[in-house]
PDB file of N, CA and C in Angstrom:
ATOM      1  N   MET A   1     116.724 101.138  46.326  1.00  0.00           N
ATOM      2  CA  MET A   1     115.606 101.911  46.834  1.00  0.00           C
ATOM      3  C   MET A   1     114.363 101.029  46.962  1.00  0.00           C
ATOM      4  N   ASP A   2     114.233 100.068  46.053  1.00  0.00           N
ATOM      5  CA  ASP A   2     113.080  99.172  46.072  1.00  0.00           C
ATOM      6  C   ASP A   2     113.071  98.313  47.340  1.00  0.00           C
ATOM      7  N   GLN A   3     114.256  97.892  47.787  1.00  0.00           N
ATOM      8  CA  GLN A   3     114.347  97.078  48.995  1.00  0.00           C
ATOM      9  C   GLN A   3     113.949  97.890  50.243  1.00  0.00           C
ATOM     10  N   LEU A   4     114.277  99.170  50.247  1.00  0.00           N
ATOM     11  CA  LEU A   4     113.937 100.021  51.378  1.00  0.00           C
ATOM     12  C   LEU A   4     112.418 100.164  51.520  1.00  0.00           C
ATOM     13  N   THR A   5     111.721 100.296  50.420  1.00  0.00           N
ATOM     14  CA  THR A   5     110.266 100.425  50.479  1.00  0.00           C
ATOM     15  C   THR A   5     109.608  99.111  50.904  1.00  0.00           C
ATOM     16  N   GLN A   6     110.275  97.985  50.634  1.00  0.00           N
ATOM     17  CA  GLN A   6     109.730  96.704  51.083  1.00  0.00           C
ATOM     18  C   GLN A   6     109.825  96.564  52.604  1.00  0.00           C
ATOM     19  N   PHE A   7     110.912  97.067  53.176  1.00  0.00           N
ATOM     20  CA  PHE A   7     111.128  96.939  54.615  1.00  0.00           C
ATOM     21  C   PHE A   7     110.569  98.109  55.422  1.00  0.00           C
ATOM     22  N   ALA A   8     110.085  99.133  54.773  1.00  0.00           N
ATOM     23  CA  ALA A   8     109.558 100.308  55.472  1.00  0.00           C
ATOM     24  C   ALA A   8     108.420  99.958  56.428  1.00  0.00           C
ATOM     25  N   PRO A   9     107.435  99.132  56.046  1.00  0.00           N
ATOM     26  CA  PRO A   9     106.370  98.795  57.002  1.00  0.00           C
ATOM     27  C   PRO A   9     106.897  98.042  58.238  1.00  0.00           C
ATOM     28  N   ILE A  10     107.875  97.191  58.055  1.00  0.00           N
ATOM     29  CA  ILE A  10     108.442  96.440  59.177  1.00  0.00           C
ATOM     30  C   ILE A  10     109.207  97.381  60.103  1.00  0.00           C
ATOM     31  N   ILE A  11     109.987  98.279  59.517  1.00  0.00           N
ATOM     32  CA  ILE A  11     110.731  99.257  60.310  1.00  0.00           C
ATOM     33  C   ILE A  11     109.765 100.162  61.060  1.00  0.00           C
ATOM     34  N   LEU A  12     108.719 100.605  60.389  1.00  0.00           N
ATOM     35  CA  LEU A  12     107.710 101.450  61.020  1.00  0.00           C
ATOM     36  C   LEU A  12     107.023 100.722  62.178  1.00  0.00           C
ATOM     37  N   MET A  13     106.768  99.437  62.010  1.00  0.00           N
ATOM     38  CA  MET A  13     106.138  98.645  63.049  1.00  0.00           C
ATOM     39  C   MET A  13     107.040  98.577  64.291  1.00  0.00           C
ATOM     40  N   PHE A  14     108.342  98.365  64.107  1.00  0.00           N
ATOM     41  CA  PHE A  14     109.271  98.330  65.235  1.00  0.00           C
ATOM     42  C   PHE A  14     109.347  99.680  65.940  1.00  0.00           C
ATOM     43  N   VAL A  15     109.314 100.758  65.185  1.00  0.00           N
ATOM     44  CA  VAL A  15     109.346 102.098  65.778  1.00  0.00           C
ATOM     45  C   VAL A  15     108.092 102.326  66.628  1.00  0.00           C
ATOM     46  N   VAL A  16     106.941 101.953  66.093  1.00  0.00           N
ATOM     47  CA  VAL A  16     105.681 102.123  66.829  1.00  0.00           C
ATOM     48  C   VAL A  16     105.684 101.267  68.095  1.00  0.00           C
ATOM     49  N   VAL A  17     106.119 100.033  67.999  1.00  0.00           N
ATOM     50  CA  VAL A  17     106.170  99.144  69.167  1.00  0.00           C
ATOM     51  C   VAL A  17     107.112  99.726  70.219  1.00  0.00           C
ATOM     52  N   TYR A  18     108.238 100.262  69.801  1.00  0.00           N
ATOM     53  CA  TYR A  18     109.190 100.842  70.750  1.00  0.00           C
ATOM     54  C   TYR A  18     108.562 102.017  71.490  1.00  0.00           C
ATOM     55  N   PHE A  19     107.973 102.961  70.761  1.00  0.00           N
ATOM     56  CA  PHE A  19     107.459 104.178  71.393  1.00  0.00           C
ATOM     57  C   PHE A  19     106.156 103.968  72.170  1.00  0.00           C
ATOM     58  N   PHE A  20     105.369 102.979  71.818  1.00  0.00           N
ATOM     59  CA  PHE A  20     104.102 102.777  72.516  1.00  0.00           C
ATOM     60  C   PHE A  20     104.117 101.643  73.534  1.00  0.00           C
ATOM     61  N   MET A  21     105.115 100.778  73.496  1.00  0.00           N
ATOM     62  CA  MET A  21     105.125  99.661  74.440  1.00  0.00           C
ATOM     63  C   MET A  21     106.416  99.583  75.255  1.00  0.00           C
ATOM     64  N   ILE A  22     107.543  99.544  74.602  1.00  0.00           N
ATOM     65  CA  ILE A  22     108.809  99.310  75.296  1.00  0.00           C
ATOM     66  C   ILE A  22     109.243 100.532  76.099  1.00  0.00           C
ATOM     67  N   ARG A  23     109.242 101.692  75.490  1.00  0.00           N
ATOM     68  CA  ARG A  23     109.723 102.904  76.154  1.00  0.00           C
ATOM     69  C   ARG A  23     108.889 103.268  77.389  1.00  0.00           C
ATOM     70  N   PRO A  24     107.547 103.244  77.341  1.00  0.00           N
ATOM     71  CA  PRO A  24     106.780 103.547  78.555  1.00  0.00           C
ATOM     72  C   PRO A  24     107.022 102.555  79.695  1.00  0.00           C
ATOM     73  N   GLN A  25     107.216 101.283  79.361  1.00  0.00           N
ATOM     74  CA  GLN A  25     107.488 100.294  80.404  1.00  0.00           C
ATOM     75  C   GLN A  25     108.852 100.534  81.040  1.00  0.00           C
ATOM     76  N   MET A  26     109.834 100.914  80.237  1.00  0.00           N
ATOM     77  CA  MET A  26     111.160 101.220  80.772  1.00  0.00           C
ATOM     78  C   MET A  26     111.088 102.449  81.686  1.00  0.00           C
ATOM     79  N   LYS A  27     110.314 103.444  81.282  1.00  0.00           N
ATOM     80  CA  LYS A  27     110.159 104.666  82.078  1.00  0.00           C
ATOM     81  C   LYS A  27     109.485 104.358  83.412  1.00  0.00           C
ATOM     82  N   LYS A  28     108.441 103.539  83.392  1.00  0.00           N
ATOM     83  CA  LYS A  28     107.732 103.180  84.618  1.00  0.00           C
ATOM     84  C   LYS A  28     108.644 102.357  85.539  1.00  0.00           C
ATOM     85  N   ALA A  29     109.418 101.443  84.983  1.00  0.00           N
ATOM     86  CA  ALA A  29     110.332 100.636  85.792  1.00  0.00           C
ATOM     87  C   ALA A  29     111.371 101.530  86.470  1.00  0.00           C
ATOM     88  N   LYS A  30     111.842 102.531  85.767  1.00  0.00           N
ATOM     89  CA  LYS A  30     112.818 103.462  86.329  1.00  0.00           C
ATOM     90  C   LYS A  30     112.185 104.269  87.463  1.00  0.00           C
ATOM     91  N   GLN A  31     110.928 104.713  87.280  1.00  0.00           N
ATOM     92  CA  GLN A  31     110.229 105.461  88.325  1.00  0.00           C
ATOM     93  C   GLN A  31     110.028 104.602  89.572  1.00  0.00           C
ATOM     94  N   GLU A  32     109.649 103.341  89.394  1.00  0.00           N
ATOM     95  CA  GLU A  32     109.439 102.445  90.529  1.00  0.00           C
ATOM     96  C   GLU A  32     110.744 102.172  91.267  1.00  0.00           C
ATOM     97  N   LYS A  33     111.840 102.045  90.525  1.00  0.00           N
ATOM     98  CA  LYS A  33     113.147 101.827  91.142  1.00  0.00           C
ATOM     99  C   LYS A  33     113.547 103.046  91.971  1.00  0.00           C
ATOM    100  N   ASN A  34     113.334 104.244  91.428  1.00  0.00           N
ATOM    101  CA  ASN A  34     113.650 105.469  92.169  1.00  0.00           C
ATOM    102  C   ASN A  34     112.765 105.601  93.409  1.00  0.00           C
ATOM    103  N   PHE A  35     111.484 105.252  93.276  1.00  0.00           N
ATOM    104  CA  PHE A  35     110.550 105.309  94.402  1.00  0.00           C
ATOM    105  C   PHE A  35     111.021 104.385  95.527  1.00  0.00           C
ATOM    106  N   ALA A  36     111.400 103.174  95.176  1.00  0.00           N
ATOM    107  CA  ALA A  36     111.851 102.210  96.190  1.00  0.00           C
ATOM    108  C   ALA A  36     113.147 102.677  96.849  1.00  0.00           C
ATOM    109  N   ALA A  37     114.013 103.335  96.087  1.00  0.00           N
ATOM    110  CA  ALA A  37     115.280 103.814  96.638  1.00  0.00           C
ATOM    111  C   ALA A  37     115.075 105.020  97.553  1.00  0.00           C
ATOM    112  N   GLU A  38     114.033 105.812  97.324  1.00  0.00           N
ATOM    113  CA  GLU A  38     113.793 107.026  98.092  1.00  0.00           C
ATOM    114  C   GLU A  38     112.928 106.808  99.339  1.00  0.00           C
ATOM    115  N   LEU A  39     112.519 105.578  99.587  1.00  0.00           N
ATOM    116  CA  LEU A  39     111.714 105.307 100.785  1.00  0.00           C
ATOM    117  C   LEU A  39     112.524 105.618 102.033  1.00  0.00           C
ATOM    118  N   LYS A  40     111.843 106.151 103.046  1.00  0.00           N
ATOM    119  CA  LYS A  40     112.523 106.480 104.292  1.00  0.00           C
ATOM    120  C   LYS A  40     111.641 106.084 105.472  1.00  0.00           C
ATOM    121  N   LYS A  41     112.232 106.049 106.648  1.00  0.00           N
ATOM    122  CA  LYS A  41     111.486 105.689 107.858  1.00  0.00           C
ATOM    123  C   LYS A  41     110.360 106.682 108.077  1.00  0.00           C
ATOM    124  N   GLY A  42     109.208 106.164 108.467  1.00  0.00           N
ATOM    125  CA  GLY A  42     108.048 106.999 108.738  1.00  0.00           C
ATOM    126  C   GLY A  42     107.114 107.167 107.564  1.00  0.00           C
ATOM    127  N   ASP A  43     107.526 106.746 106.355  1.00  0.00           N
ATOM    128  CA  ASP A  43     106.650 106.844 105.175  1.00  0.00           C
ATOM    129  C   ASP A  43     105.463 105.899 105.339  1.00  0.00           C
ATOM    130  N   ARG A  44     104.284 106.401 105.022  1.00  0.00           N
ATOM    131  CA  ARG A  44     103.087 105.550 104.993  1.00  0.00           C
ATOM    132  C   ARG A  44     103.021 104.926 103.610  1.00  0.00           C
ATOM    133  N   ILE A  45     102.828 103.617 103.573  1.00  0.00           N
ATOM    134  CA  ILE A  45     102.841 102.902 102.287  1.00  0.00           C
ATOM    135  C   ILE A  45     101.687 101.903 102.227  1.00  0.00           C
ATOM    136  N   ILE A  46     101.457 101.436 101.001  1.00  0.00           N
ATOM    137  CA  ILE A  46     100.513 100.352 100.744  1.00  0.00           C
ATOM    138  C   ILE A  46     101.247  99.329  99.882  1.00  0.00           C
ATOM    139  N   THR A  47     101.171  98.069 100.261  1.00  0.00           N
ATOM    140  CA  THR A  47     101.810  97.037  99.449  1.00  0.00           C
ATOM    141  C   THR A  47     100.908  96.680  98.272  1.00  0.00           C
ATOM    142  N   LYS A  48     101.446  95.961  97.321  1.00  0.00           N
ATOM    143  CA  LYS A  48     100.660  95.555  96.149  1.00  0.00           C
ATOM    144  C   LYS A  48      99.538  94.601  96.532  1.00  0.00           C
ATOM    145  N   SER A  49      99.664  93.943  97.682  1.00  0.00           N
ATOM    146  CA  SER A  49      98.605  93.043  98.144  1.00  0.00           C
ATOM    147  C   SER A  49      97.547  93.781  98.956  1.00  0.00           C
ATOM    148  N   GLY A  50      97.771  95.080  99.229  1.00  0.00           N
ATOM    149  CA  GLY A  50      96.770  95.877  99.916  1.00  0.00           C
ATOM    150  C   GLY A  50      97.033  96.117 101.392  1.00  0.00           C
ATOM    151  N   MET A  51      98.181  95.708 101.892  1.00  0.00           N
ATOM    152  CA  MET A  51      98.518  95.906 103.303  1.00  0.00           C
ATOM    153  C   MET A  51      98.957  97.353 103.526  1.00  0.00           C
ATOM    154  N   HIS A  52      98.320  98.038 104.475  1.00  0.00           N
ATOM    155  CA  HIS A  52      98.668  99.414 104.817  1.00  0.00           C
ATOM    156  C   HIS A  52      99.615  99.396 106.005  1.00  0.00           C
ATOM    157  N   GLY A  53     100.563 100.340 106.012  1.00  0.00           N
ATOM    158  CA  GLY A  53     101.459 100.416 107.150  1.00  0.00           C
ATOM    159  C   GLY A  53     102.405 101.592 107.060  1.00  0.00           C
ATOM    160  N   LYS A  54     103.298 101.656 108.031  1.00  0.00           N
ATOM    161  CA  LYS A  54     104.292 102.713 108.104  1.00  0.00           C
ATOM    162  C   LYS A  54     105.663 102.062 108.196  1.00  0.00           C
ATOM    163  N   ILE A  55     106.624 102.588 107.470  1.00  0.00           N
ATOM    164  CA  ILE A  55     107.968 102.012 107.462  1.00  0.00           C
ATOM    165  C   ILE A  55     108.645 102.291 108.797  1.00  0.00           C
ATOM    166  N   VAL A  56     109.136 101.220 109.429  1.00  0.00           N
ATOM    167  CA  VAL A  56     109.818 101.323 110.709  1.00  0.00           C
ATOM    168  C   VAL A  56     111.324 101.197 110.527  1.00  0.00           C
ATOM    169  N   ASP A  57     111.750 100.279 109.656  1.00  0.00           N
ATOM    170  CA  ASP A  57     113.181 100.031 109.481  1.00  0.00           C
ATOM    171  C   ASP A  57     113.427  99.376 108.133  1.00  0.00           C
ATOM    172  N   PHE A  58     114.690  99.320 107.736  1.00  0.00           N
ATOM    173  CA  PHE A  58     115.101  98.692 106.490  1.00  0.00           C
ATOM    174  C   PHE A  58     116.081  97.568 106.777  1.00  0.00           C
ATOM    175  N   SER A  59     116.064  96.554 105.956  1.00  0.00           N
ATOM    176  CA  SER A  59     117.041  95.481 106.025  1.00  0.00           C
ATOM    177  C   SER A  59     117.782  95.461 104.696  1.00  0.00           C
ATOM    178  N   GLU A  60     118.955  96.099 104.676  1.00  0.00           N
ATOM    179  CA  GLU A  60     119.734  96.193 103.439  1.00  0.00           C
ATOM    180  C   GLU A  60     120.245  94.824 102.999  1.00  0.00           C
ATOM    181  N   LYS A  61     120.460  93.938 103.961  1.00  0.00           N
ATOM    182  CA  LYS A  61     120.961  92.596 103.645  1.00  0.00           C
ATOM    183  C   LYS A  61     119.980  91.839 102.761  1.00  0.00           C
ATOM    184  N   ASN A  62     118.692  91.953 103.072  1.00  0.00           N
ATOM    185  CA  ASN A  62     117.659  91.241 102.320  1.00  0.00           C
ATOM    186  C   ASN A  62     116.930  92.120 101.324  1.00  0.00           C
ATOM    187  N   ASN A  63     117.301  93.395 101.255  1.00  0.00           N
ATOM    188  CA  ASN A  63     116.615  94.376 100.410  1.00  0.00           C
ATOM    189  C   ASN A  63     115.126  94.395 100.737  1.00  0.00           C
ATOM    190  N   SER A  64     114.855  94.477 102.041  1.00  0.00           N
ATOM    191  CA  SER A  64     113.466  94.449 102.493  1.00  0.00           C
ATOM    192  C   SER A  64     113.166  95.621 103.420  1.00  0.00           C
ATOM    193  N   VAL A  65     111.888  95.778 103.718  1.00  0.00           N
ATOM    194  CA  VAL A  65     111.387  96.866 104.548  1.00  0.00           C
ATOM    195  C   VAL A  65     110.577  96.259 105.687  1.00  0.00           C
ATOM    196  N   ILE A  66     110.753  96.788 106.885  1.00  0.00           N
ATOM    197  CA  ILE A  66     109.946  96.345 108.024  1.00  0.00           C
ATOM    198  C   ILE A  66     108.837  97.366 108.197  1.00  0.00           C
ATOM    199  N   ILE A  67     107.590  96.877 108.133  1.00  0.00           N
ATOM    200  CA  ILE A  67     106.415  97.736 108.158  1.00  0.00           C
ATOM    201  C   ILE A  67     105.627  97.482 109.436  1.00  0.00           C
ATOM    202  N   GLU A  68     105.212  98.568 110.072  1.00  0.00           N
ATOM    203  CA  GLU A  68     104.375  98.463 111.264  1.00  0.00           C
ATOM    204  C   GLU A  68     102.919  98.605 110.836  1.00  0.00           C
ATOM    205  N   THR A  69     102.133  97.594 111.140  1.00  0.00           N
ATOM    206  CA  THR A  69     100.703  97.606 110.818  1.00  0.00           C
ATOM    207  C   THR A  69      99.914  97.509 112.118  1.00  0.00           C
ATOM    208  N   GLY A  70      98.608  97.459 112.012  1.00  0.00           N
ATOM    209  CA  GLY A  70      97.764  97.293 113.181  1.00  0.00           C
ATOM    210  C   GLY A  70      97.997  95.963 113.870  1.00  0.00           C
ATOM    211  N   ALA A  71      98.475  94.979 113.126  1.00  0.00           N
ATOM    212  CA  ALA A  71      98.676  93.637 113.673  1.00  0.00           C
ATOM    213  C   ALA A  71     100.087  93.422 114.213  1.00  0.00           C
ATOM    214  N   GLY A  72     100.997  94.335 113.946  1.00  0.00           N
ATOM    215  CA  GLY A  72     102.375  94.170 114.390  1.00  0.00           C
ATOM    216  C   GLY A  72     103.343  94.567 113.297  1.00  0.00           C
ATOM    217  N   LYS A  73     104.565  94.080 113.410  1.00  0.00           N
ATOM    218  CA  LYS A  73     105.595  94.393 112.416  1.00  0.00           C
ATOM    219  C   LYS A  73     105.733  93.242 111.440  1.00  0.00           C
ATOM    220  N   ILE A  74     105.801  93.596 110.149  1.00  0.00           N
ATOM    221  CA  ILE A  74     105.904  92.593 109.090  1.00  0.00           C
ATOM    222  C   ILE A  74     107.023  93.017 108.148  1.00  0.00           C
ATOM    223  N   THR A  75     107.758  92.060 107.610  1.00  0.00           N
ATOM    224  CA  THR A  75     108.836  92.344 106.665  1.00  0.00           C
ATOM    225  C   THR A  75     108.358  92.059 105.246  1.00  0.00           C
ATOM    226  N   PHE A  76     108.581  93.035 104.356  1.00  0.00           N
ATOM    227  CA  PHE A  76     108.220  92.910 102.948  1.00  0.00           C
ATOM    228  C   PHE A  76     109.417  93.263 102.078  1.00  0.00           C
ATOM    229  N   ASP A  77     109.452  92.711 100.889  1.00  0.00           N
ATOM    230  CA  ASP A  77     110.430  93.124  99.883  1.00  0.00           C
ATOM    231  C   ASP A  77     110.131  94.556  99.460  1.00  0.00           C
ATOM    232  N   ARG A  78     111.155  95.297  99.088  1.00  0.00           N
ATOM    233  CA  ARG A  78     110.930  96.659  98.590  1.00  0.00           C
ATOM    234  C   ARG A  78     110.080  96.643  97.326  1.00  0.00           C
ATOM    235  N   SER A  79     110.227  95.610  96.527  1.00  0.00           N
ATOM    236  CA  SER A  79     109.490  95.538  95.268  1.00  0.00           C
ATOM    237  C   SER A  79     107.998  95.282  95.474  1.00  0.00           C
ATOM    238  N   SER A  80     107.598  94.891  96.677  1.00  0.00           N
ATOM    239  CA  SER A  80     106.183  94.617  96.924  1.00  0.00           C
ATOM    240  C   SER A  80     105.402  95.871  97.306  1.00  0.00           C
ATOM    241  N   ILE A  81     106.077  97.020  97.390  1.00  0.00           N
ATOM    242  CA  ILE A  81     105.396  98.267  97.746  1.00  0.00           C
ATOM    243  C   ILE A  81     104.865  98.906  96.472  1.00  0.00           C
ATOM    244  N   SER A  82     103.590  99.256  96.484  1.00  0.00           N
ATOM    245  CA  SER A  82     102.938  99.840  95.317  1.00  0.00           C
ATOM    246  C   SER A  82     103.222 101.338  95.246  1.00  0.00           C
ATOM    247  N   MET A  83     103.848 101.759  94.171  1.00  0.00           N
ATOM    248  CA  MET A  83     104.173 103.166  93.995  1.00  0.00           C
ATOM    249  C   MET A  83     102.908 104.005  93.837  1.00  0.00           C
ATOM    250  N   GLU A  84     101.984 103.584  92.987  1.00  0.00           N
ATOM    251  CA  GLU A  84     100.792 104.371  92.699  1.00  0.00           C
ATOM    252  C   GLU A  84      99.918 104.537  93.935  1.00  0.00           C
ATOM    253  N   MET A  85      99.627 103.435  94.613  1.00  0.00           N
ATOM    254  CA  MET A  85      98.740 103.503  95.775  1.00  0.00           C
ATOM    255  C   MET A  85      99.386 104.260  96.929  1.00  0.00           C
ATOM    256  N   SER A  86     100.689 104.098  97.126  1.00  0.00           N
ATOM    257  CA  SER A  86     101.378 104.803  98.207  1.00  0.00           C
ATOM    258  C   SER A  86     101.414 106.300  97.945  1.00  0.00           C
ATOM    259  N   GLN A  87     101.596 106.692  96.687  1.00  0.00           N
ATOM    260  CA  GLN A  87     101.601 108.113  96.369  1.00  0.00           C
ATOM    261  C   GLN A  87     100.217 108.720  96.574  1.00  0.00           C
ATOM    262  N   LYS A  88      99.171 107.985  96.224  1.00  0.00           N
ATOM    263  CA  LYS A  88      97.810 108.478  96.458  1.00  0.00           C
ATOM    264  C   LYS A  88      97.522 108.597  97.950  1.00  0.00           C
ATOM    265  N   LEU A  89      98.020 107.668  98.743  1.00  0.00           N
ATOM    266  CA  LEU A  89      97.823 107.695 100.185  1.00  0.00           C
ATOM    267  C   LEU A  89      98.479 108.922 100.804  1.00  0.00           C
ATOM    268  N   ASN A  90      99.653 109.284 100.323  1.00  0.00           N
ATOM    269  CA  ASN A  90     100.403 110.402 100.880  1.00  0.00           C
ATOM    270  C   ASN A  90     100.090 111.730 100.210  1.00  0.00           C
ATOM    271  N   GLU A  91      99.179 111.726  99.252  1.00  0.00           N
ATOM    272  CA  GLU A  91      98.785 112.948  98.566  1.00  0.00           C
ATOM    273  C   GLU A  91      98.123 113.889  99.567  1.00  0.00           C
ATOM    274  N   PRO A  92      98.484 115.170  99.555  1.00  0.00           N
ATOM    275  CA  PRO A  92      97.864 116.105 100.508  1.00  0.00           C
ATOM    276  C   PRO A  92      96.342 116.175 100.329  1.00  0.00           C
ATOM    277  N   VAL A  93      95.646 116.493 101.395  1.00  0.00           N
ATOM    278  CA  VAL A  93      94.178 116.527 101.407  1.00  0.00           C
ATOM    279  C   VAL A  93      93.663 117.556 100.413  1.00  0.00           C
ATOM    280  N   LYS A  94      94.325 118.682 100.276  1.00  0.00           N
ATOM    281  CA  LYS A  94      93.864 119.742  99.369  1.00  0.00           C
ATOM    282  C   LYS A  94      93.808 119.257  97.931  1.00  0.00           C
ATOM    283  N   GLU A  95      94.817 118.484  97.508  1.00  0.00           N
ATOM    284  CA  GLU A  95      94.815 117.973  96.137  1.00  0.00           C
ATOM    285  C   GLU A  95      93.675 116.978  95.920  1.00  0.00           C
ATOM    286  N   LYS A  96      93.343 116.197  96.950  1.00  0.00           N
ATOM    287  CA  LYS A  96      92.224 115.248  96.831  1.00  0.00           C
ATOM    288  C   LYS A  96      90.916 115.983  96.657  1.00  0.00           C
ATOM    289  N   GLU A  97      90.764 117.124  97.365  1.00  0.00           N
ATOM    290  CA  GLU A  97      89.541 117.893  97.261  1.00  0.00           C
ATOM    291  C   GLU A  97      89.414 118.560  95.896  1.00  0.00           C
ATOM    292  N   LYS A  98      90.531 118.954  95.291  1.00  0.00           N
ATOM    293  CA  LYS A  98      90.524 119.576  93.967  1.00  0.00           C
ATOM    294  C   LYS A  98      90.039 118.593  92.910  1.00  0.00           C
ATOM    295  N   LYS A  99      90.374 117.323  93.070  1.00  0.00           N
ATOM    296  CA  LYS A  99      89.998 116.316  92.079  1.00  0.00           C
ATOM    297  C   LYS A  99      88.498 116.032  92.107  1.00  0.00           C
ATOM    298  N   LYS A 100      87.863 116.298  93.222  1.00  0.00           N
ATOM    299  CA  LYS A 100      86.424 116.042  93.338  1.00  0.00           C
ATOM    300  C   LYS A 100      85.713 117.112  92.602  1.00  0.00           C
TER     301      LYS A 100
END
């Protein structure tokens, strides 16, 4: 029993690290993977670098997306599309007004 009380702070530290750091990152990674898999033609998106555009086509061979912008068509990796910014862009106008 004495050995268990010695290791209790270390065990508690691992539990806290898991629930506050590892688990949320795993959850976010899963959400981003689902978001990238659910993309479809015509979706308006924003890349992580700030490029705005609309999805025109997919390249399954390269796991990339062809985006139409004001300057033309550009190919990006699926992982370069920002989930948070794209969801805010596609958020209905009524919800934006409620937040104000």
